[in-house]
């Protein structure tokens, strides 16, 4: 495994590999890697000659300065995990490489960025669009891999790829979960022991909503989930949103039978740690 911090050296290396007919897969990350990331790397390695993992904590997608400061940075451990997973290249750029000057361009993803995460994190997806488009331009991968846990992010990047005519294939990989159902996330490391024991309630709520919708036929499932969280005794857990949306365009779903794919999406705070999760259902 080769670690690059210099963009010109990386691009020269990738150009040589392309000239030899090799395909390149990219897994963009912000580090603090876990088994979920490793599943993306393994999928990438399986479908490409070269697997690249980018590690960069992107400041433009944080709308909370303390969240950026507290985001875990574990580069040495990350590289050990990547080597064990068969990753070929790690790119660790500096802020000066990614943002040599303050970006003036702003993305507008329409409805896709005005609901759920976009509603509560204004400017977040502009930052995502900036960093991902830069990485695509810099490395020109054949395929790029993202996790389903950030389903809204994936749909936004898919729209960007279409609108900007990026010549690559996007791959959405399933959510990796702990034994108790908690979606794997770098933010999980910030949970206290008590909070970690509470955290699986997000996935439990999604399963509860799935049962309400497809088995019990509860008409106001969204309200029922809000009431469910309101009854939880521990004030450390605060529901931010629960949405039932179309899995392709994030439009609100009134009748699940009228949609091929439905996404149940949830976000909640445990103390100061914000967690998200979702399940995709097919009617």
C-alpha atoms as a PDB file:
ATOM      1  CA  UNK A   1       0.000   0.000   0.000  1.00  0.00           C
ATOM      2  CA  UNK A   2       1.301   3.438  -0.989  1.00  0.00           C
ATOM      3  CA  UNK A   3       0.443   6.647   0.906  1.00  0.00           C
ATOM      4  CA  UNK A   4       0.399   9.898  -1.068  1.00  0.00           C
ATOM      5  CA  UNK A   5       0.230  13.405   0.348  1.00  0.00           C
ATOM      6  CA  UNK A   6       1.387  15.125  -2.848  1.00  0.00           C
ATOM      7  CA  UNK A   7      -1.319  15.490  -5.513  1.00  0.00           C
ATOM      8  CA  UNK A   8       1.044  15.734  -8.503  1.00  0.00           C
ATOM      9  CA  UNK A   9       2.803  12.523  -7.521  1.00  0.00           C
ATOM     10  CA  UNK A  10      -0.529  10.740  -7.088  1.00  0.00           C
ATOM     11  CA  UNK A  11      -1.831  11.942 -10.446  1.00  0.00           C
ATOM     12  CA  UNK A  12       1.350  10.858 -12.226  1.00  0.00           C
ATOM     13  CA  UNK A  13       1.096   7.416 -10.642  1.00  0.00           C
ATOM     14  CA  UNK A  14      -2.598   7.069 -11.591  1.00  0.00           C
ATOM     15  CA  UNK A  15      -1.879   8.186 -15.158  1.00  0.00           C
ATOM     16  CA  UNK A  16       0.723   5.446 -15.483  1.00  0.00           C
ATOM     17  CA  UNK A  17      -1.748   2.881 -14.163  1.00  0.00           C
ATOM     18  CA  UNK A  18      -4.454   4.000 -16.621  1.00  0.00           C
ATOM     19  CA  UNK A  19      -1.978   3.708 -19.500  1.00  0.00           C
ATOM     20  CA  UNK A  20      -1.538   0.082 -18.470  1.00  0.00           C
ATOM     21  CA  UNK A  21      -5.308  -0.407 -18.738  1.00  0.00           C
ATOM     22  CA  UNK A  22      -5.980  -0.632 -15.016  1.00  0.00           C
ATOM     23  CA  UNK A  23      -9.303   0.466 -13.505  1.00  0.00           C
ATOM     24  CA  UNK A  24      -9.425   2.721 -10.450  1.00  0.00           C
ATOM     25  CA  UNK A  25     -11.963   2.679  -7.616  1.00  0.00           C
ATOM     26  CA  UNK A  26     -12.280   5.457  -5.047  1.00  0.00           C
ATOM     27  CA  UNK A  27     -13.628   5.380  -1.493  1.00  0.00           C
ATOM     28  CA  UNK A  28     -13.821   8.958  -0.148  1.00  0.00           C
ATOM     29  CA  UNK A  29     -13.697   9.101   3.659  1.00  0.00           C
ATOM     30  CA  UNK A  30     -12.969  11.476   6.519  1.00  0.00           C
ATOM     31  CA  UNK A  31     -10.994   8.842   8.396  1.00  0.00           C
ATOM     32  CA  UNK A  32     -11.811   7.297  11.799  1.00  0.00           C
ATOM     33  CA  UNK A  33     -12.414   4.149   9.792  1.00  0.00           C
ATOM     34  CA  UNK A  34     -14.432   1.130  10.921  1.00  0.00           C
ATOM     35  CA  UNK A  35     -15.775  -2.134   9.513  1.00  0.00           C
ATOM     36  CA  UNK A  36     -18.322  -0.250   7.429  1.00  0.00           C
ATOM     37  CA  UNK A  37     -15.552   1.565   5.580  1.00  0.00           C
ATOM     38  CA  UNK A  38     -13.654  -1.694   5.173  1.00  0.00           C
ATOM     39  CA  UNK A  39     -16.667  -3.216   3.424  1.00  0.00           C
ATOM     40  CA  UNK A  40     -16.498  -0.345   0.918  1.00  0.00           C
ATOM     41  CA  UNK A  41     -12.776  -0.939   0.393  1.00  0.00           C
ATOM     42  CA  UNK A  42     -13.275  -4.663  -0.144  1.00  0.00           C
ATOM     43  CA  UNK A  43     -16.111  -4.027  -2.595  1.00  0.00           C
ATOM     44  CA  UNK A  44     -13.951  -1.491  -4.391  1.00  0.00           C
ATOM     45  CA  UNK A  45     -10.990  -3.876  -4.543  1.00  0.00           C
ATOM     46  CA  UNK A  46     -13.183  -6.655  -5.907  1.00  0.00           C
ATOM     47  CA  UNK A  47     -14.421  -4.567  -8.835  1.00  0.00           C
ATOM     48  CA  UNK A  48     -11.280  -2.577  -9.709  1.00  0.00           C
ATOM     49  CA  UNK A  49      -7.595  -3.147 -10.283  1.00  0.00           C
ATOM     50  CA  UNK A  50      -6.690  -0.395  -7.838  1.00  0.00           C
ATOM     51  CA  UNK A  51      -8.538   0.696  -4.692  1.00  0.00           C
ATOM     52  CA  UNK A  52      -7.913   4.237  -3.423  1.00  0.00           C
ATOM     53  CA  UNK A  53      -9.057   5.527  -0.052  1.00  0.00           C
ATOM     54  CA  UNK A  54      -9.063   9.272   0.428  1.00  0.00           C
ATOM     55  CA  UNK A  55      -8.775  10.508   4.026  1.00  0.00           C
ATOM     56  CA  UNK A  56      -9.634  14.152   4.540  1.00  0.00           C
ATOM     57  CA  UNK A  57     -11.762  15.857   7.198  1.00  0.00           C
ATOM     58  CA  UNK A  58     -13.543  18.355   4.976  1.00  0.00           C
ATOM     59  CA  UNK A  59     -14.204  21.640   6.822  1.00  0.00           C
ATOM     60  CA  UNK A  60     -16.726  23.001   4.306  1.00  0.00           C
ATOM     61  CA  UNK A  61     -19.316  20.330   5.114  1.00  0.00           C
ATOM     62  CA  UNK A  62     -19.394  21.094   8.844  1.00  0.00           C
ATOM     63  CA  UNK A  63     -21.837  23.754   9.964  1.00  0.00           C
ATOM     64  CA  UNK A  64     -20.830  23.281  13.592  1.00  0.00           C
ATOM     65  CA  UNK A  65     -17.281  24.339  14.455  1.00  0.00           C
ATOM     66  CA  UNK A  66     -17.114  22.154  17.567  1.00  0.00           C
ATOM     67  CA  UNK A  67     -18.243  19.118  15.559  1.00  0.00           C
ATOM     68  CA  UNK A  68     -15.338  19.686  13.166  1.00  0.00           C
ATOM     69  CA  UNK A  69     -12.908  20.080  16.045  1.00  0.00           C
ATOM     70  CA  UNK A  70     -14.140  16.936  17.810  1.00  0.00           C
ATOM     71  CA  UNK A  71     -14.244  14.738  14.712  1.00  0.00           C
ATOM     72  CA  UNK A  72     -11.901  11.803  15.469  1.00  0.00           C
ATOM     73  CA  UNK A  73      -8.595  11.721  13.616  1.00  0.00           C
ATOM     74  CA  UNK A  74      -6.889   8.322  13.713  1.00  0.00           C
ATOM     75  CA  UNK A  75      -4.642   8.223  10.646  1.00  0.00           C
ATOM     76  CA  UNK A  76      -2.159   5.603  11.878  1.00  0.00           C
ATOM     77  CA  UNK A  77      -4.898   3.147  12.849  1.00  0.00           C
ATOM     78  CA  UNK A  78      -6.787   3.932   9.638  1.00  0.00           C
ATOM     79  CA  UNK A  79      -3.783   3.019   7.507  1.00  0.00           C
ATOM     80  CA  UNK A  80      -3.322  -0.261   9.355  1.00  0.00           C
ATOM     81  CA  UNK A  81      -6.951  -1.185   8.707  1.00  0.00           C
ATOM     82  CA  UNK A  82      -6.707  -0.190   5.050  1.00  0.00           C
ATOM     83  CA  UNK A  83      -3.611  -2.278   4.458  1.00  0.00           C
ATOM     84  CA  UNK A  84      -5.280  -5.294   6.050  1.00  0.00           C
ATOM     85  CA  UNK A  85      -8.330  -4.761   3.810  1.00  0.00           C
ATOM     86  CA  UNK A  86      -6.200  -4.785   0.666  1.00  0.00           C
ATOM     87  CA  UNK A  87      -6.304  -1.075  -0.141  1.00  0.00           C
ATOM     88  CA  UNK A  88      -3.671  -0.095  -2.713  1.00  0.00           C
ATOM     89  CA  UNK A  89      -3.422   3.686  -2.295  1.00  0.00           C
ATOM     90  CA  UNK A  90      -4.200   6.158   0.475  1.00  0.00           C
ATOM     91  CA  UNK A  91      -4.426   9.841  -0.379  1.00  0.00           C
ATOM     92  CA  UNK A  92      -4.076  12.185   2.610  1.00  0.00           C
ATOM     93  CA  UNK A  93      -4.230  15.738   1.249  1.00  0.00           C
ATOM     94  CA  UNK A  94      -3.722  18.932   3.230  1.00  0.00           C
ATOM     95  CA  UNK A  95      -6.181  21.809   3.362  1.00  0.00           C
ATOM     96  CA  UNK A  96      -3.842  23.741   1.053  1.00  0.00           C
ATOM     97  CA  UNK A  97      -4.170  21.067  -1.638  1.00  0.00           C
ATOM     98  CA  UNK A  98      -7.958  20.799  -1.446  1.00  0.00           C
ATOM     99  CA  UNK A  99      -8.702  24.503  -0.921  1.00  0.00           C
ATOM    100  CA  UNK A 100      -5.778  26.599  -2.216  1.00  0.00           C
ATOM    101  CA  UNK A 101      -8.184  29.548  -2.030  1.00  0.00           C
ATOM    102  CA  UNK A 102     -11.600  30.117  -0.492  1.00  0.00           C
ATOM    103  CA  UNK A 103     -14.164  28.522  -2.854  1.00  0.00           C
ATOM    104  CA  UNK A 104     -16.749  30.886  -4.301  1.00  0.00           C
ATOM    105  CA  UNK A 105     -18.792  28.294  -6.177  1.00  0.00           C
ATOM    106  CA  UNK A 106     -22.002  27.139  -4.500  1.00  0.00           C
ATOM    107  CA  UNK A 107     -24.054  24.061  -5.343  1.00  0.00           C
ATOM    108  CA  UNK A 108     -27.838  24.051  -5.275  1.00  0.00           C
ATOM    109  CA  UNK A 109     -29.312  20.556  -5.292  1.00  0.00           C
ATOM    110  CA  UNK A 110     -32.915  21.733  -5.073  1.00  0.00           C
ATOM    111  CA  UNK A 111     -35.355  19.604  -3.093  1.00  0.00           C
ATOM    112  CA  UNK A 112     -32.715  16.940  -2.435  1.00  0.00           C
ATOM    113  CA  UNK A 113     -30.811  19.281  -0.103  1.00  0.00           C
ATOM    114  CA  UNK A 114     -33.745  21.053   1.523  1.00  0.00           C
ATOM    115  CA  UNK A 115     -35.091  18.097   3.499  1.00  0.00           C
ATOM    116  CA  UNK A 116     -33.760  15.912   6.322  1.00  0.00           C
ATOM    117  CA  UNK A 117     -30.014  16.563   6.702  1.00  0.00           C
ATOM    118  CA  UNK A 118     -30.136  19.700   4.561  1.00  0.00           C
ATOM    119  CA  UNK A 119     -32.943  21.158   6.630  1.00  0.00           C
ATOM    120  CA  UNK A 120     -30.999  20.829   9.876  1.00  0.00           C
ATOM    121  CA  UNK A 121     -27.475  21.315   8.493  1.00  0.00           C
ATOM    122  CA  UNK A 122     -27.617  24.305   6.113  1.00  0.00           C
ATOM    123  CA  UNK A 123     -24.640  24.436   3.780  1.00  0.00           C
ATOM    124  CA  UNK A 124     -23.616  20.848   4.492  1.00  0.00           C
ATOM    125  CA  UNK A 125     -24.304  19.509   1.018  1.00  0.00           C
ATOM    126  CA  UNK A 126     -22.592  22.434  -0.652  1.00  0.00           C
ATOM    127  CA  UNK A 127     -19.463  21.305   1.181  1.00  0.00           C
ATOM    128  CA  UNK A 128     -20.077  17.698   0.140  1.00  0.00           C
ATOM    129  CA  UNK A 129     -20.492  18.755  -3.489  1.00  0.00           C
ATOM    130  CA  UNK A 130     -17.269  20.774  -3.375  1.00  0.00           C
ATOM    131  CA  UNK A 131     -15.072  18.045  -1.920  1.00  0.00           C
ATOM    132  CA  UNK A 132     -16.480  15.141  -3.928  1.00  0.00           C
ATOM    133  CA  UNK A 133     -16.330  17.009  -7.235  1.00  0.00           C
ATOM    134  CA  UNK A 134     -12.728  17.990  -6.463  1.00  0.00           C
ATOM    135  CA  UNK A 135     -11.781  14.387  -5.696  1.00  0.00           C
ATOM    136  CA  UNK A 136     -13.443  13.157  -8.878  1.00  0.00           C
ATOM    137  CA  UNK A 137     -11.527  15.730 -10.931  1.00  0.00           C
ATOM    138  CA  UNK A 138      -8.238  15.027  -9.167  1.00  0.00           C
ATOM    139  CA  UNK A 139      -8.309  11.230  -9.401  1.00  0.00           C
ATOM    140  CA  UNK A 140     -10.723  10.478 -12.272  1.00  0.00           C
ATOM    141  CA  UNK A 141     -11.830   7.113 -10.861  1.00  0.00           C
ATOM    142  CA  UNK A 142     -13.804   4.565 -12.865  1.00  0.00           C
ATOM    143  CA  UNK A 143     -16.021   3.891  -9.858  1.00  0.00           C
ATOM    144  CA  UNK A 144     -16.705   5.600  -6.527  1.00  0.00           C
ATOM    145  CA  UNK A 145     -18.157   3.915  -3.445  1.00  0.00           C
ATOM    146  CA  UNK A 146     -20.462   5.404  -0.815  1.00  0.00           C
ATOM    147  CA  UNK A 147     -22.456   3.937   2.071  1.00  0.00           C
ATOM    148  CA  UNK A 148     -26.237   3.697   2.237  1.00  0.00           C
ATOM    149  CA  UNK A 149     -26.188   5.157   5.756  1.00  0.00           C
ATOM    150  CA  UNK A 150     -25.756   8.562   4.120  1.00  0.00           C
ATOM    151  CA  UNK A 151     -28.520   7.902   1.582  1.00  0.00           C
ATOM    152  CA  UNK A 152     -29.264  11.591   1.046  1.00  0.00           C
ATOM    153  CA  UNK A 153     -25.604  12.264   0.349  1.00  0.00           C
ATOM    154  CA  UNK A 154     -25.523   9.433  -2.189  1.00  0.00           C
ATOM    155  CA  UNK A 155     -28.578  10.758  -4.057  1.00  0.00           C
ATOM    156  CA  UNK A 156     -27.098  14.257  -4.134  1.00  0.00           C
ATOM    157  CA  UNK A 157     -23.764  12.996  -5.450  1.00  0.00           C
ATOM    158  CA  UNK A 158     -25.631  10.934  -8.049  1.00  0.00           C
ATOM    159  CA  UNK A 159     -27.399  14.099  -9.224  1.00  0.00           C
ATOM    160  CA  UNK A 160     -24.086  15.939  -9.361  1.00  0.00           C
ATOM    161  CA  UNK A 161     -22.523  13.163 -11.444  1.00  0.00           C
ATOM    162  CA  UNK A 162     -25.429  13.381 -13.903  1.00  0.00           C
ATOM    163  CA  UNK A 163     -25.478  17.176 -14.106  1.00  0.00           C
ATOM    164  CA  UNK A 164     -21.702  17.584 -14.450  1.00  0.00           C
ATOM    165  CA  UNK A 165     -21.255  14.552 -16.748  1.00  0.00           C
ATOM    166  CA  UNK A 166     -18.637  12.810 -14.632  1.00  0.00           C
ATOM    167  CA  UNK A 167     -17.515   9.676 -16.464  1.00  0.00           C
ATOM    168  CA  UNK A 168     -17.719   7.241 -13.589  1.00  0.00           C
ATOM    169  CA  UNK A 169     -20.009   4.708 -11.933  1.00  0.00           C
ATOM    170  CA  UNK A 170     -21.410   5.319  -8.448  1.00  0.00           C
ATOM    171  CA  UNK A 171     -21.874   2.362  -6.143  1.00  0.00           C
ATOM    172  CA  UNK A 172     -24.108   2.479  -3.040  1.00  0.00           C
ATOM    173  CA  UNK A 173     -23.090  -0.152  -0.479  1.00  0.00           C
ATOM    174  CA  UNK A 174     -25.375  -1.546   2.266  1.00  0.00           C
ATOM    175  CA  UNK A 175     -25.222  -0.299   5.860  1.00  0.00           C
ATOM    176  CA  UNK A 176     -22.937  -2.290   8.134  1.00  0.00           C
ATOM    177  CA  UNK A 177     -24.338  -2.758  11.641  1.00  0.00           C
ATOM    178  CA  UNK A 178     -23.142  -3.766  15.065  1.00  0.00           C
ATOM    179  CA  UNK A 179     -24.623  -6.928  16.587  1.00  0.00           C
ATOM    180  CA  UNK A 180     -27.303  -4.859  18.358  1.00  0.00           C
ATOM    181  CA  UNK A 181     -28.336  -3.128  15.126  1.00  0.00           C
ATOM    182  CA  UNK A 182     -26.545   0.208  15.562  1.00  0.00           C
ATOM    183  CA  UNK A 183     -25.329   1.530  12.215  1.00  0.00           C
ATOM    184  CA  UNK A 184     -21.538   1.709  12.198  1.00  0.00           C
ATOM    185  CA  UNK A 185     -20.307   5.298  12.292  1.00  0.00           C
ATOM    186  CA  UNK A 186     -17.138   7.171  13.181  1.00  0.00           C
ATOM    187  CA  UNK A 187     -19.251   9.223  15.583  1.00  0.00           C
ATOM    188  CA  UNK A 188     -20.049   6.131  17.652  1.00  0.00           C
ATOM    189  CA  UNK A 189     -16.625   6.422  19.263  1.00  0.00           C
ATOM    190  CA  UNK A 190     -17.768   9.654  20.939  1.00  0.00           C
ATOM    191  CA  UNK A 191     -20.632   7.929  22.787  1.00  0.00           C
ATOM    192  CA  UNK A 192     -20.323   7.214  26.495  1.00  0.00           C
ATOM    193  CA  UNK A 193     -20.943   3.652  27.663  1.00  0.00           C
ATOM    194  CA  UNK A 194     -24.508   4.554  28.700  1.00  0.00           C
ATOM    195  CA  UNK A 195     -25.186   6.334  25.428  1.00  0.00           C
ATOM    196  CA  UNK A 196     -23.802   3.402  23.453  1.00  0.00           C
ATOM    197  CA  UNK A 197     -26.332   1.146  25.172  1.00  0.00           C
ATOM    198  CA  UNK A 198     -29.129   3.564  24.221  1.00  0.00           C
ATOM    199  CA  UNK A 199     -28.037   4.134  20.616  1.00  0.00           C
ATOM    200  CA  UNK A 200     -29.666   1.029  19.047  1.00  0.00           C
ATOM    201  CA  UNK A 201     -33.071   2.646  19.672  1.00  0.00           C
ATOM    202  CA  UNK A 202     -32.667   4.418  16.309  1.00  0.00           C
ATOM    203  CA  UNK A 203     -32.632   1.134  14.413  1.00  0.00           C
ATOM    204  CA  UNK A 204     -35.347  -0.276  16.654  1.00  0.00           C
ATOM    205  CA  UNK A 205     -37.538   2.704  15.783  1.00  0.00           C
ATOM    206  CA  UNK A 206     -36.986   2.083  12.067  1.00  0.00           C
ATOM    207  CA  UNK A 207     -37.987  -1.566  12.445  1.00  0.00           C
ATOM    208  CA  UNK A 208     -41.008  -0.488  14.468  1.00  0.00           C
ATOM    209  CA  UNK A 209     -42.012   1.938  11.708  1.00  0.00           C
ATOM    210  CA  UNK A 210     -41.517  -0.744   9.063  1.00  0.00           C
ATOM    211  CA  UNK A 211     -43.891  -3.032  10.947  1.00  0.00           C
ATOM    212  CA  UNK A 212     -46.447  -0.235  11.357  1.00  0.00           C
ATOM    213  CA  UNK A 213     -46.395   0.562   7.652  1.00  0.00           C
ATOM    214  CA  UNK A 214     -46.280  -2.845   6.033  1.00  0.00           C
ATOM    215  CA  UNK A 215     -47.935  -5.146   8.586  1.00  0.00           C
ATOM    216  CA  UNK A 216     -50.178  -3.107  10.860  1.00  0.00           C
ATOM    217  CA  UNK A 217     -51.194  -0.474   8.292  1.00  0.00           C
ATOM    218  CA  UNK A 218     -50.803   2.440  10.750  1.00  0.00           C
ATOM    219  CA  UNK A 219     -51.772   5.545   8.762  1.00  0.00           C
ATOM    220  CA  UNK A 220     -49.889   8.089  10.855  1.00  0.00           C
ATOM    221  CA  UNK A 221     -46.643   6.212  11.359  1.00  0.00           C
ATOM    222  CA  UNK A 222     -44.583   9.394  11.439  1.00  0.00           C
ATOM    223  CA  UNK A 223     -46.531  10.787  14.387  1.00  0.00           C
ATOM    224  CA  UNK A 224     -46.390   7.422  16.129  1.00  0.00           C
ATOM    225  CA  UNK A 225     -42.583   7.373  15.959  1.00  0.00           C
ATOM    226  CA  UNK A 226     -42.379  10.912  17.347  1.00  0.00           C
ATOM    227  CA  UNK A 227     -44.637   9.840  20.216  1.00  0.00           C
ATOM    228  CA  UNK A 228     -42.498   6.740  20.721  1.00  0.00           C
ATOM    229  CA  UNK A 229     -39.396   8.886  21.270  1.00  0.00           C
ATOM    230  CA  UNK A 230     -41.337  11.268  23.515  1.00  0.00           C
ATOM    231  CA  UNK A 231     -42.083   8.379  25.880  1.00  0.00           C
ATOM    232  CA  UNK A 232     -38.414   7.461  26.317  1.00  0.00           C
ATOM    233  CA  UNK A 233     -37.435   8.348  29.844  1.00  0.00           C
ATOM    234  CA  UNK A 234     -33.827   9.382  29.223  1.00  0.00           C
ATOM    235  CA  UNK A 235     -33.529  13.033  28.214  1.00  0.00           C
ATOM    236  CA  UNK A 236     -30.116  12.324  26.711  1.00  0.00           C
ATOM    237  CA  UNK A 237     -31.877  11.050  23.563  1.00  0.00           C
ATOM    238  CA  UNK A 238     -33.530  13.687  21.368  1.00  0.00           C
ATOM    239  CA  UNK A 239     -35.208  12.892  18.069  1.00  0.00           C
ATOM    240  CA  UNK A 240     -34.412  15.454  15.372  1.00  0.00           C
ATOM    241  CA  UNK A 241     -36.413  14.012  12.499  1.00  0.00           C
ATOM    242  CA  UNK A 242     -38.124  10.888  11.250  1.00  0.00           C
ATOM    243  CA  UNK A 243     -39.171  10.912   7.595  1.00  0.00           C
ATOM    244  CA  UNK A 244     -40.900   8.507   5.229  1.00  0.00           C
ATOM    245  CA  UNK A 245     -39.701   9.388   1.730  1.00  0.00           C
ATOM    246  CA  UNK A 246     -39.303   8.023  -1.771  1.00  0.00           C
ATOM    247  CA  UNK A 247     -35.948   6.255  -2.007  1.00  0.00           C
ATOM    248  CA  UNK A 248     -35.114   7.926  -5.315  1.00  0.00           C
ATOM    249  CA  UNK A 249     -36.009  11.595  -4.847  1.00  0.00           C
ATOM    250  CA  UNK A 250     -36.719  12.006  -1.083  1.00  0.00           C
ATOM    251  CA  UNK A 251     -40.243  13.289  -1.705  1.00  0.00           C
ATOM    252  CA  UNK A 252     -42.604  12.673   1.217  1.00  0.00           C
ATOM    253  CA  UNK A 253     -44.520   9.407   0.947  1.00  0.00           C
ATOM    254  CA  UNK A 254     -48.219   9.394   1.767  1.00  0.00           C
ATOM    255  CA  UNK A 255     -49.029   5.872   0.561  1.00  0.00           C
ATOM    256  CA  UNK A 256     -46.185   3.343   0.522  1.00  0.00           C
ATOM    257  CA  UNK A 257     -48.016   1.190  -2.024  1.00  0.00           C
ATOM    258  CA  UNK A 258     -47.635   3.931  -4.629  1.00  0.00           C
ATOM    259  CA  UNK A 259     -43.823   3.845  -4.499  1.00  0.00           C
ATOM    260  CA  UNK A 260     -41.386   1.202  -5.692  1.00  0.00           C
ATOM    261  CA  UNK A 261     -38.797   2.109  -3.045  1.00  0.00           C
ATOM    262  CA  UNK A 262     -39.457   3.782   0.304  1.00  0.00           C
ATOM    263  CA  UNK A 263     -36.786   5.083   2.681  1.00  0.00           C
ATOM    264  CA  UNK A 264     -37.380   5.423   6.410  1.00  0.00           C
ATOM    265  CA  UNK A 265     -34.834   7.980   7.645  1.00  0.00           C
ATOM    266  CA  UNK A 266     -34.055   9.061  11.179  1.00  0.00           C
ATOM    267  CA  UNK A 267     -31.686  11.421  13.002  1.00  0.00           C
ATOM    268  CA  UNK A 268     -31.306  11.896  16.748  1.00  0.00           C
ATOM    269  CA  UNK A 269     -28.916  13.323  19.300  1.00  0.00           C
ATOM    270  CA  UNK A 270     -27.430  11.287  22.111  1.00  0.00           C
ATOM    271  CA  UNK A 271     -25.989  13.985  24.313  1.00  0.00           C
ATOM    272  CA  UNK A 272     -23.901  16.045  21.880  1.00  0.00           C
ATOM    273  CA  UNK A 273     -23.438  13.224  19.362  1.00  0.00           C
ATOM    274  CA  UNK A 274     -25.694  13.268  16.317  1.00  0.00           C
ATOM    275  CA  UNK A 275     -26.551   9.886  14.758  1.00  0.00           C
ATOM    276  CA  UNK A 276     -28.434   9.000  11.573  1.00  0.00           C
ATOM    277  CA  UNK A 277     -29.835   5.769  10.166  1.00  0.00           C
ATOM    278  CA  UNK A 278     -32.220   4.520   7.503  1.00  0.00           C
ATOM    279  CA  UNK A 279     -33.805   1.438   5.992  1.00  0.00           C
ATOM    280  CA  UNK A 280     -34.795   0.974   2.345  1.00  0.00           C
ATOM    281  CA  UNK A 281     -38.058  -0.904   1.724  1.00  0.00           C
ATOM    282  CA  UNK A 282     -39.512  -2.193  -1.523  1.00  0.00           C
ATOM    283  CA  UNK A 283     -43.277  -2.430  -1.938  1.00  0.00           C
END
